[in-house]
């Protein structure tokens, strides 16, 4: 079973294709929810040996950044094998 870990935001890389799906209004709504209720769902990242690569949770990541946090709760998952 995966357990959430505190991941340094500065070590998370967001692939370019992922950034294109960002919606600022969604980030604002999620940030407000985090302030009121805390982060309910951890993001998912994979570690490539140097940095963490975002797999899932772009809007949560951006909301936490917007709130000025330096870490985020996340699951470290394995890369999919084809």
PDB file of N, CA and C in Angstrom:
ATOM      1  N   UNK A   1       0.837  -1.193   0.000  1.00  0.00           N
ATOM      2  CA  UNK A   1       0.000   0.000   0.000  1.00  0.00           C
ATOM      3  C   UNK A   1       0.874   1.247   0.000  1.00  0.00           C
ATOM      4  N   UNK A   2       0.536   2.175  -0.845  1.00  0.00           N
ATOM      5  CA  UNK A   2       1.292   3.415  -0.933  1.00  0.00           C
ATOM      6  C   UNK A   2       0.965   4.326   0.250  1.00  0.00           C
ATOM      7  N   UNK A   3       1.995   4.987   0.742  1.00  0.00           N
ATOM      8  CA  UNK A   3       1.802   5.981   1.791  1.00  0.00           C
ATOM      9  C   UNK A   3       2.260   7.331   1.263  1.00  0.00           C
ATOM     10  N   UNK A   4       1.469   8.367   1.530  1.00  0.00           N
ATOM     11  CA  UNK A   4       1.889   9.691   1.061  1.00  0.00           C
ATOM     12  C   UNK A   4       3.189  10.126   1.733  1.00  0.00           C
ATOM     13  N   UNK A   5       4.021  10.809   0.983  1.00  0.00           N
ATOM     14  CA  UNK A   5       5.274  11.345   1.492  1.00  0.00           C
ATOM     15  C   UNK A   5       5.309  12.839   1.209  1.00  0.00           C
ATOM     16  N   UNK A   6       6.068  13.565   2.006  1.00  0.00           N
ATOM     17  CA  UNK A   6       6.289  14.992   1.742  1.00  0.00           C
ATOM     18  C   UNK A   6       7.348  15.097   0.651  1.00  0.00           C
ATOM     19  N   UNK A   7       6.992  15.726  -0.447  1.00  0.00           N
ATOM     20  CA  UNK A   7       7.895  15.858  -1.582  1.00  0.00           C
ATOM     21  C   UNK A   7       8.210  17.337  -1.779  1.00  0.00           C
ATOM     22  N   UNK A   8       9.507  17.692  -1.882  1.00  0.00           N
ATOM     23  CA  UNK A   8       9.871  19.090  -2.117  1.00  0.00           C
ATOM     24  C   UNK A   8       9.354  19.559  -3.475  1.00  0.00           C
ATOM     25  N   UNK A   9       8.585  20.622  -3.469  1.00  0.00           N
ATOM     26  CA  UNK A   9       8.007  21.148  -4.709  1.00  0.00           C
ATOM     27  C   UNK A   9       9.098  21.542  -5.696  1.00  0.00           C
ATOM     28  N   UNK A  10      10.210  22.044  -5.205  1.00  0.00           N
ATOM     29  CA  UNK A  10      11.286  22.489  -6.090  1.00  0.00           C
ATOM     30  C   UNK A  10      11.920  21.343  -6.871  1.00  0.00           C
ATOM     31  N   UNK A  11      11.685  20.104  -6.458  1.00  0.00           N
ATOM     32  CA  UNK A  11      12.273  18.941  -7.135  1.00  0.00           C
ATOM     33  C   UNK A  11      11.281  18.243  -8.073  1.00  0.00           C
ATOM     34  N   UNK A  12      10.106  18.856  -8.282  1.00  0.00           N
ATOM     35  CA  UNK A  12       9.093  18.247  -9.146  1.00  0.00           C
ATOM     36  C   UNK A  12       9.141  18.901 -10.523  1.00  0.00           C
ATOM     37  N   UNK A  13       9.303  18.063 -11.544  1.00  0.00           N
ATOM     38  CA  UNK A  13       9.309  18.524 -12.930  1.00  0.00           C
ATOM     39  C   UNK A  13       7.938  18.237 -13.537  1.00  0.00           C
ATOM     40  N   UNK A  14       7.377  19.240 -14.181  1.00  0.00           N
ATOM     41  CA  UNK A  14       6.088  19.082 -14.866  1.00  0.00           C
ATOM     42  C   UNK A  14       6.353  19.051 -16.366  1.00  0.00           C
ATOM     43  N   UNK A  15       6.079  17.920 -17.031  1.00  0.00           N
ATOM     44  CA  UNK A  15       6.289  17.850 -18.480  1.00  0.00           C
ATOM     45  C   UNK A  15       5.504  18.937 -19.223  1.00  0.00           C
ATOM     46  N   UNK A  16       6.074  19.421 -20.312  1.00  0.00           N
ATOM     47  CA  UNK A  16       5.481  20.504 -21.095  1.00  0.00           C
ATOM     48  C   UNK A  16       4.049  20.203 -21.511  1.00  0.00           C
ATOM     49  N   UNK A  17       3.785  19.002 -21.970  1.00  0.00           N
ATOM     50  CA  UNK A  17       2.429  18.642 -22.395  1.00  0.00           C
ATOM     51  C   UNK A  17       1.427  18.769 -21.247  1.00  0.00           C
ATOM     52  N   UNK A  18       1.855  18.454 -20.037  1.00  0.00           N
ATOM     53  CA  UNK A  18       0.992  18.566 -18.869  1.00  0.00           C
ATOM     54  C   UNK A  18       0.632  20.022 -18.587  1.00  0.00           C
ATOM     55  N   UNK A  19       1.616  20.914 -18.731  1.00  0.00           N
ATOM     56  CA  UNK A  19       1.390  22.326 -18.422  1.00  0.00           C
ATOM     57  C   UNK A  19       0.307  22.939 -19.284  1.00  0.00           C
ATOM     58  N   UNK A  20       0.132  22.409 -20.485  1.00  0.00           N
ATOM     59  CA  UNK A  20      -0.872  22.940 -21.405  1.00  0.00           C
ATOM     60  C   UNK A  20      -2.296  22.714 -20.911  1.00  0.00           C
ATOM     61  N   UNK A  21      -2.486  21.799 -19.961  1.00  0.00           N
ATOM     62  CA  UNK A  21      -3.832  21.481 -19.480  1.00  0.00           C
ATOM     63  C   UNK A  21      -4.211  22.280 -18.232  1.00  0.00           C
ATOM     64  N   UNK A  22      -3.392  23.234 -17.826  1.00  0.00           N
ATOM     65  CA  UNK A  22      -3.625  23.991 -16.602  1.00  0.00           C
ATOM     66  C   UNK A  22      -4.748  25.008 -16.764  1.00  0.00           C
ATOM     67  N   UNK A  23      -5.662  25.026 -15.805  1.00  0.00           N
ATOM     68  CA  UNK A  23      -6.772  25.986 -15.784  1.00  0.00           C
ATOM     69  C   UNK A  23      -6.678  26.804 -14.487  1.00  0.00           C
ATOM     70  N   UNK A  24      -6.340  28.093 -14.580  1.00  0.00           N
ATOM     71  CA  UNK A  24      -6.153  28.931 -13.389  1.00  0.00           C
ATOM     72  C   UNK A  24      -7.358  28.957 -12.444  1.00  0.00           C
ATOM     73  N   UNK A  25      -8.573  28.941 -12.979  1.00  0.00           N
ATOM     74  CA  UNK A  25      -9.749  28.959 -12.100  1.00  0.00           C
ATOM     75  C   UNK A  25      -9.823  27.703 -11.246  1.00  0.00           C
ATOM     76  N   UNK A  26      -9.444  26.571 -11.820  1.00  0.00           N
ATOM     77  CA  UNK A  26      -9.439  25.317 -11.068  1.00  0.00           C
ATOM     78  C   UNK A  26      -8.387  25.378  -9.967  1.00  0.00           C
ATOM     79  N   UNK A  27      -7.227  25.949 -10.254  1.00  0.00           N
ATOM     80  CA  UNK A  27      -6.172  26.095  -9.255  1.00  0.00           C
ATOM     81  C   UNK A  27      -6.687  26.917  -8.077  1.00  0.00           C
ATOM     82  N   UNK A  28      -7.389  28.006  -8.360  1.00  0.00           N
ATOM     83  CA  UNK A  28      -7.917  28.867  -7.296  1.00  0.00           C
ATOM     84  C   UNK A  28      -8.909  28.115  -6.417  1.00  0.00           C
ATOM     85  N   UNK A  29      -9.818  27.384  -7.034  1.00  0.00           N
ATOM     86  CA  UNK A  29     -10.824  26.632  -6.285  1.00  0.00           C
ATOM     87  C   UNK A  29     -10.153  25.574  -5.400  1.00  0.00           C
ATOM     88  N   UNK A  30      -9.175  24.873  -5.948  1.00  0.00           N
ATOM     89  CA  UNK A  30      -8.471  23.845  -5.172  1.00  0.00           C
ATOM     90  C   UNK A  30      -7.685  24.485  -4.036  1.00  0.00           C
ATOM     91  N   UNK A  31      -7.055  25.626  -4.283  1.00  0.00           N
ATOM     92  CA  UNK A  31      -6.306  26.321  -3.224  1.00  0.00           C
ATOM     93  C   UNK A  31      -7.241  26.702  -2.074  1.00  0.00           C
ATOM     94  N   UNK A  32      -8.421  27.198  -2.403  1.00  0.00           N
ATOM     95  CA  UNK A  32      -9.390  27.545  -1.361  1.00  0.00           C
ATOM     96  C   UNK A  32      -9.791  26.303  -0.564  1.00  0.00           C
ATOM     97  N   UNK A  33      -9.975  25.193  -1.241  1.00  0.00           N
ATOM     98  CA  UNK A  33     -10.334  23.944  -0.573  1.00  0.00           C
ATOM     99  C   UNK A  33      -9.203  23.463   0.339  1.00  0.00           C
ATOM    100  N   UNK A  34      -7.962  23.592  -0.121  1.00  0.00           N
ATOM    101  CA  UNK A  34      -6.817  23.179   0.695  1.00  0.00           C
ATOM    102  C   UNK A  34      -6.724  24.024   1.954  1.00  0.00           C
ATOM    103  N   UNK A  35      -6.981  25.325   1.835  1.00  0.00           N
ATOM    104  CA  UNK A  35      -6.958  26.204   3.012  1.00  0.00           C
ATOM    105  C   UNK A  35      -8.014  25.761   4.019  1.00  0.00           C
ATOM    106  N   UNK A  36      -9.199  25.420   3.535  1.00  0.00           N
ATOM    107  CA  UNK A  36     -10.307  25.046   4.414  1.00  0.00           C
ATOM    108  C   UNK A  36     -10.187  23.621   4.954  1.00  0.00           C
ATOM    109  N   UNK A  37      -9.750  22.678   4.119  1.00  0.00           N
ATOM    110  CA  UNK A  37      -9.809  21.261   4.480  1.00  0.00           C
ATOM    111  C   UNK A  37      -8.476  20.525   4.468  1.00  0.00           C
ATOM    112  N   UNK A  38      -7.415  21.179   4.041  1.00  0.00           N
ATOM    113  CA  UNK A  38      -6.145  20.494   3.874  1.00  0.00           C
ATOM    114  C   UNK A  38      -6.121  19.759   2.537  1.00  0.00           C
ATOM    115  N   UNK A  39      -4.965  19.236   2.192  1.00  0.00           N
ATOM    116  CA  UNK A  39      -4.834  18.494   0.932  1.00  0.00           C
ATOM    117  C   UNK A  39      -5.447  17.116   1.134  1.00  0.00           C
ATOM    118  N   UNK A  40      -6.520  16.842   0.445  1.00  0.00           N
ATOM    119  CA  UNK A  40      -7.251  15.584   0.620  1.00  0.00           C
ATOM    120  C   UNK A  40      -6.672  14.437  -0.204  1.00  0.00           C
ATOM    121  N   UNK A  41      -6.166  14.731  -1.389  1.00  0.00           N
ATOM    122  CA  UNK A  41      -5.673  13.691  -2.284  1.00  0.00           C
ATOM    123  C   UNK A  41      -4.224  13.989  -2.669  1.00  0.00           C
ATOM    124  N   UNK A  42      -3.300  13.080  -2.349  1.00  0.00           N
ATOM    125  CA  UNK A  42      -1.900  13.302  -2.733  1.00  0.00           C
ATOM    126  C   UNK A  42      -1.726  13.272  -4.247  1.00  0.00           C
ATOM    127  N   UNK A  43      -0.720  13.983  -4.724  1.00  0.00           N
ATOM    128  CA  UNK A  43      -0.368  13.916  -6.136  1.00  0.00           C
ATOM    129  C   UNK A  43       0.386  12.604  -6.377  1.00  0.00           C
ATOM    130  N   UNK A  44       0.656  12.292  -7.632  1.00  0.00           N
ATOM    131  CA  UNK A  44       1.463  11.125  -7.976  1.00  0.00           C
ATOM    132  C   UNK A  44       2.671  11.585  -8.777  1.00  0.00           C
ATOM    133  N   UNK A  45       3.831  11.096  -8.370  1.00  0.00           N
ATOM    134  CA  UNK A  45       5.077  11.402  -9.075  1.00  0.00           C
ATOM    135  C   UNK A  45       5.868  10.112  -9.240  1.00  0.00           C
ATOM    136  N   UNK A  46       6.795  10.142 -10.171  1.00  0.00           N
ATOM    137  CA  UNK A  46       7.762   9.046 -10.273  1.00  0.00           C
ATOM    138  C   UNK A  46       9.142   9.670 -10.149  1.00  0.00           C
ATOM    139  N   UNK A  47      10.082   8.907  -9.647  1.00  0.00           N
ATOM    140  CA  UNK A  47      11.438   9.409  -9.454  1.00  0.00           C
ATOM    141  C   UNK A  47      12.316   8.837 -10.551  1.00  0.00           C
ATOM    142  N   UNK A  48      13.020   9.708 -11.276  1.00  0.00           N
ATOM    143  CA  UNK A  48      13.852   9.234 -12.392  1.00  0.00           C
ATOM    144  C   UNK A  48      15.327   9.142 -12.025  1.00  0.00           C
ATOM    145  N   UNK A  49      15.628   9.228 -10.736  1.00  0.00           N
ATOM    146  CA  UNK A  49      17.018   9.168 -10.282  1.00  0.00           C
ATOM    147  C   UNK A  49      17.595  10.530  -9.956  1.00  0.00           C
ATOM    148  N   UNK A  50      16.990  11.590 -10.504  1.00  0.00           N
ATOM    149  CA  UNK A  50      17.465  12.955 -10.265  1.00  0.00           C
ATOM    150  C   UNK A  50      16.371  13.849  -9.702  1.00  0.00           C
ATOM    151  N   UNK A  51      15.163  13.649 -10.202  1.00  0.00           N
ATOM    152  CA  UNK A  51      14.049  14.533  -9.828  1.00  0.00           C
ATOM    153  C   UNK A  51      12.748  13.733  -9.871  1.00  0.00           C
ATOM    154  N   UNK A  52      11.704  14.366  -9.383  1.00  0.00           N
ATOM    155  CA  UNK A  52      10.378  13.755  -9.433  1.00  0.00           C
ATOM    156  C   UNK A  52       9.662  14.272 -10.680  1.00  0.00           C
ATOM    157  N   UNK A  53       9.000  13.385 -11.389  1.00  0.00           N
ATOM    158  CA  UNK A  53       8.244  13.735 -12.590  1.00  0.00           C
ATOM    159  C   UNK A  53       6.764  13.635 -12.232  1.00  0.00           C
ATOM    160  N   UNK A  54       6.018  14.695 -12.459  1.00  0.00           N
ATOM    161  CA  UNK A  54       4.593  14.685 -12.146  1.00  0.00           C
ATOM    162  C   UNK A  54       3.864  13.686 -13.040  1.00  0.00           C
ATOM    163  N   UNK A  55       3.070  12.824 -12.411  1.00  0.00           N
ATOM    164  CA  UNK A  55       2.249  11.861 -13.134  1.00  0.00           C
ATOM    165  C   UNK A  55       0.788  12.293 -13.089  1.00  0.00           C
ATOM    166  N   UNK A  56       0.348  12.724 -11.912  1.00  0.00           N
ATOM    167  CA  UNK A  56      -1.059  13.115 -11.722  1.00  0.00           C
ATOM    168  C   UNK A  56      -1.137  14.177 -10.634  1.00  0.00           C
ATOM    169  N   UNK A  57      -1.927  15.239 -10.876  1.00  0.00           N
ATOM    170  CA  UNK A  57      -2.167  16.232  -9.835  1.00  0.00           C
ATOM    171  C   UNK A  57      -1.640  17.625 -10.132  1.00  0.00           C
ATOM    172  N   UNK A  58      -1.622  18.012 -11.398  1.00  0.00           N
ATOM    173  CA  UNK A  58      -1.095  19.327 -11.777  1.00  0.00           C
ATOM    174  C   UNK A  58      -1.800  20.462 -11.045  1.00  0.00           C
ATOM    175  N   UNK A  59      -3.120  20.450 -10.989  1.00  0.00           N
ATOM    176  CA  UNK A  59      -3.851  21.552 -10.360  1.00  0.00           C
ATOM    177  C   UNK A  59      -3.602  21.601  -8.849  1.00  0.00           C
ATOM    178  N   UNK A  60      -3.494  20.439  -8.216  1.00  0.00           N
ATOM    179  CA  UNK A  60      -3.170  20.415  -6.784  1.00  0.00           C
ATOM    180  C   UNK A  60      -1.772  20.967  -6.547  1.00  0.00           C
ATOM    181  N   UNK A  61      -0.822  20.579  -7.396  1.00  0.00           N
ATOM    182  CA  UNK A  61       0.550  21.077  -7.276  1.00  0.00           C
ATOM    183  C   UNK A  61       0.588  22.593  -7.416  1.00  0.00           C
ATOM    184  N   UNK A  62      -0.070  23.115  -8.424  1.00  0.00           N
ATOM    185  CA  UNK A  62      -0.076  24.561  -8.644  1.00  0.00           C
ATOM    186  C   UNK A  62      -0.793  25.295  -7.517  1.00  0.00           C
ATOM    187  N   UNK A  63      -1.846  24.698  -6.965  1.00  0.00           N
ATOM    188  CA  UNK A  63      -2.563  25.323  -5.849  1.00  0.00           C
ATOM    189  C   UNK A  63      -1.672  25.421  -4.617  1.00  0.00           C
ATOM    190  N   UNK A  64      -0.936  24.363  -4.334  1.00  0.00           N
ATOM    191  CA  UNK A  64      -0.041  24.365  -3.176  1.00  0.00           C
ATOM    192  C   UNK A  64       1.099  25.366  -3.383  1.00  0.00           C
ATOM    193  N   UNK A  65       1.612  25.449  -4.603  1.00  0.00           N
ATOM    194  CA  UNK A  65       2.638  26.461  -4.915  1.00  0.00           C
ATOM    195  C   UNK A  65       2.082  27.858  -4.684  1.00  0.00           C
ATOM    196  N   UNK A  66       0.867  28.094  -5.170  1.00  0.00           N
ATOM    197  CA  UNK A  66       0.223  29.398  -5.042  1.00  0.00           C
ATOM    198  C   UNK A  66       0.052  29.787  -3.577  1.00  0.00           C
ATOM    199  N   UNK A  67      -0.156  28.786  -2.723  1.00  0.00           N
ATOM    200  CA  UNK A  67      -0.308  29.040  -1.291  1.00  0.00           C
ATOM    201  C   UNK A  67       1.034  29.255  -0.590  1.00  0.00           C
ATOM    202  N   UNK A  68       2.137  29.102  -1.323  1.00  0.00           N
ATOM    203  CA  UNK A  68       3.460  29.372  -0.755  1.00  0.00           C
ATOM    204  C   UNK A  68       4.096  28.205  -0.024  1.00  0.00           C
ATOM    205  N   UNK A  69       3.562  27.009  -0.201  1.00  0.00           N
ATOM    206  CA  UNK A  69       4.128  25.827   0.458  1.00  0.00           C
ATOM    207  C   UNK A  69       5.417  25.402  -0.237  1.00  0.00           C
ATOM    208  N   UNK A  70       6.277  24.693   0.481  1.00  0.00           N
ATOM    209  CA  UNK A  70       7.528  24.203  -0.107  1.00  0.00           C
ATOM    210  C   UNK A  70       7.501  22.691  -0.316  1.00  0.00           C
ATOM    211  N   UNK A  71       6.530  22.000   0.291  1.00  0.00           N
ATOM    212  CA  UNK A  71       6.380  20.564   0.088  1.00  0.00           C
ATOM    213  C   UNK A  71       4.917  20.248  -0.210  1.00  0.00           C
ATOM    214  N   UNK A  72       4.689  19.059  -0.763  1.00  0.00           N
ATOM    215  CA  UNK A  72       3.344  18.613  -1.074  1.00  0.00           C
ATOM    216  C   UNK A  72       3.264  17.116  -0.770  1.00  0.00           C
ATOM    217  N   UNK A  73       2.096  16.666  -0.332  1.00  0.00           N
ATOM    218  CA  UNK A  73       1.891  15.241  -0.111  1.00  0.00           C
ATOM    219  C   UNK A  73       1.779  14.544  -1.455  1.00  0.00           C
ATOM    220  N   UNK A  74       2.512  13.460  -1.614  1.00  0.00           N
ATOM    221  CA  UNK A  74       2.463  12.738  -2.885  1.00  0.00           C
ATOM    222  C   UNK A  74       2.804  11.272  -2.723  1.00  0.00           C
ATOM    223  N   UNK A  75       2.340  10.512  -3.686  1.00  0.00           N
ATOM    224  CA  UNK A  75       2.700   9.100  -3.794  1.00  0.00           C
ATOM    225  C   UNK A  75       3.807   8.983  -4.823  1.00  0.00           C
ATOM    226  N   UNK A  76       4.819   8.187  -4.516  1.00  0.00           N
ATOM    227  CA  UNK A  76       5.856   7.893  -5.493  1.00  0.00           C
ATOM    228  C   UNK A  76       5.472   6.580  -6.155  1.00  0.00           C
ATOM    229  N   UNK A  77       5.205   6.641  -7.450  1.00  0.00           N
ATOM    230  CA  UNK A  77       4.744   5.480  -8.205  1.00  0.00           C
ATOM    231  C   UNK A  77       5.828   5.034  -9.185  1.00  0.00           C
ATOM    232  N   UNK A  78       5.690   3.846  -9.705  1.00  0.00           N
ATOM    233  CA  UNK A  78       6.631   3.310 -10.686  1.00  0.00           C
ATOM    234  C   UNK A  78       6.203   3.734 -12.082  1.00  0.00           C
ATOM    235  N   UNK A  79       7.173   3.912 -12.947  1.00  0.00           N
ATOM    236  CA  UNK A  79       6.885   4.219 -14.347  1.00  0.00           C
ATOM    237  C   UNK A  79       6.203   3.016 -14.972  1.00  0.00           C
ATOM    238  N   UNK A  80       5.278   3.274 -15.878  1.00  0.00           N
ATOM    239  CA  UNK A  80       4.596   2.184 -16.570  1.00  0.00           C
ATOM    240  C   UNK A  80       5.575   1.507 -17.527  1.00  0.00           C
ATOM    241  N   UNK A  81       5.519   0.194 -17.539  1.00  0.00           N
ATOM    242  CA  UNK A  81       6.341  -0.568 -18.485  1.00  0.00           C
ATOM    243  C   UNK A  81       5.464  -1.000 -19.642  1.00  0.00           C
ATOM    244  N   UNK A  82       5.943  -0.791 -20.844  1.00  0.00           N
ATOM    245  CA  UNK A  82       5.150  -1.132 -22.030  1.00  0.00           C
ATOM    246  C   UNK A  82       5.482  -2.508 -22.523  1.00  0.00           C
TER     247      UNK A  82
END
